[in-house]
Amino acid sequence: MTFANAPQVGERLRVLIAEAKPRVVILECSAIPDFEYTVLRALTHLDEMLRQRGISQWLSMLNPETLRVIERS
C-alpha cells in the first residue's frame, strides 16, 4: 500500500466488508516493506470504522521493520 493506492484499497475493503459482514478483518502484510504516513492514517481510519461496527482488524505477517513502525504509531 502506498499513498497513491490507499484510497482505492480502502474503498474496496469497505465494499467487501459491507458484503461479507465479518467479525474480523485480517490484512496479510508480508509483502509490505514499510507503511508511510498516508497508509498509516488509512489503516487508523479503517480500524475506527471497523470498531464502530464491532469488527476487529488484525495485521498479520508484518516484517520486523513494519511492525516497529506500527508499534511507534
Protein backbone atom coordinates (compact mmCIF):
# COMPACT_ATOMS: atom_id res chain seq x y z
CA MET A 1 0.00 0.00 0.00
CA THR A 2 1.16 3.49 -0.84
CA PHE A 3 -0.31 6.97 -0.68
CA ALA A 4 -1.31 6.52 -4.32
CA ASN A 5 -3.46 3.42 -3.86
CA ALA A 6 -4.62 3.81 -0.24
CA PRO A 7 -7.98 5.40 -1.20
CA GLN A 8 -8.77 2.65 -3.72
CA VAL A 9 -7.75 -0.10 -1.29
CA GLY A 10 -9.86 1.49 1.44
CA GLU A 11 -12.91 1.74 -0.80
CA ARG A 12 -12.54 -1.86 -1.97
CA LEU A 13 -12.25 -3.02 1.64
CA ARG A 14 -15.39 -1.09 2.60
CA VAL A 15 -17.34 -2.81 -0.21
CA LEU A 16 -16.06 -6.27 0.73
CA ILE A 17 -16.79 -5.69 4.43
CA ALA A 18 -20.32 -4.47 3.69
CA GLU A 19 -20.98 -7.59 1.62
CA ALA A 20 -19.37 -10.17 3.92
CA LYS A 21 -20.22 -8.66 7.33
CA PRO A 22 -17.19 -10.27 9.01
CA ARG A 23 -16.32 -10.26 12.71
CA VAL A 24 -12.60 -9.99 11.93
CA VAL A 25 -10.72 -8.43 9.00
CA ILE A 26 -7.20 -9.83 8.58
CA LEU A 27 -4.75 -7.95 6.39
CA GLU A 28 -1.82 -10.15 5.38
CA CYS A 29 1.13 -7.74 5.21
CA SER A 30 4.20 -9.84 4.39
CA ALA A 31 4.75 -8.10 1.03
CA ILE A 32 4.60 -4.61 2.54
CA PRO A 33 8.13 -3.36 3.30
CA ASP A 34 7.01 -0.18 5.07
CA PHE A 35 3.93 1.87 5.89
CA GLU A 36 4.16 5.55 5.10
CA TYR A 37 2.05 8.26 6.74
CA THR A 38 -0.93 8.18 4.36
CA VAL A 39 -1.26 4.42 4.67
CA LEU A 40 -1.00 4.58 8.47
CA ARG A 41 -3.80 7.15 8.51
CA ALA A 42 -5.92 4.97 6.20
CA LEU A 43 -5.39 1.93 8.44
CA THR A 44 -6.28 4.01 11.50
CA HIS A 45 -9.50 5.24 9.87
CA LEU A 46 -10.34 1.70 8.78
CA ASP A 47 -9.77 0.44 12.32
CA GLU A 48 -12.05 3.14 13.74
CA MET A 49 -14.79 2.32 11.22
CA LEU A 50 -14.50 -1.39 11.94
CA ARG A 51 -14.57 -0.91 15.72
CA GLN A 52 -17.78 1.13 15.41
CA ARG A 53 -19.29 -1.92 13.68
CA GLY A 54 -17.92 -4.38 16.23
CA ILE A 55 -15.32 -5.76 13.81
CA SER A 56 -11.68 -6.42 14.73
CA GLN A 57 -8.80 -5.56 12.40
CA TRP A 58 -5.74 -7.81 12.52
CA LEU A 59 -2.47 -7.14 10.71
CA SER A 60 -0.62 -10.40 10.12
CA MET A 61 2.80 -11.37 8.79
CA LEU A 62 4.32 -7.93 9.40
CA ASN A 63 8.04 -7.84 8.73
CA PRO A 64 10.09 -6.59 11.72
CA GLU A 65 10.60 -3.04 10.43
CA THR A 66 6.95 -2.61 9.52
CA LEU A 67 5.94 -3.94 12.93
CA ARG A 68 8.19 -1.32 14.58
CA VAL A 69 6.51 1.42 12.52
CA ILE A 70 3.08 0.20 13.62
CA GLU A 71 4.14 -0.03 17.26
CA ARG A 72 5.54 3.53 17.18
CA SER A 73 2.36 4.81 15.59
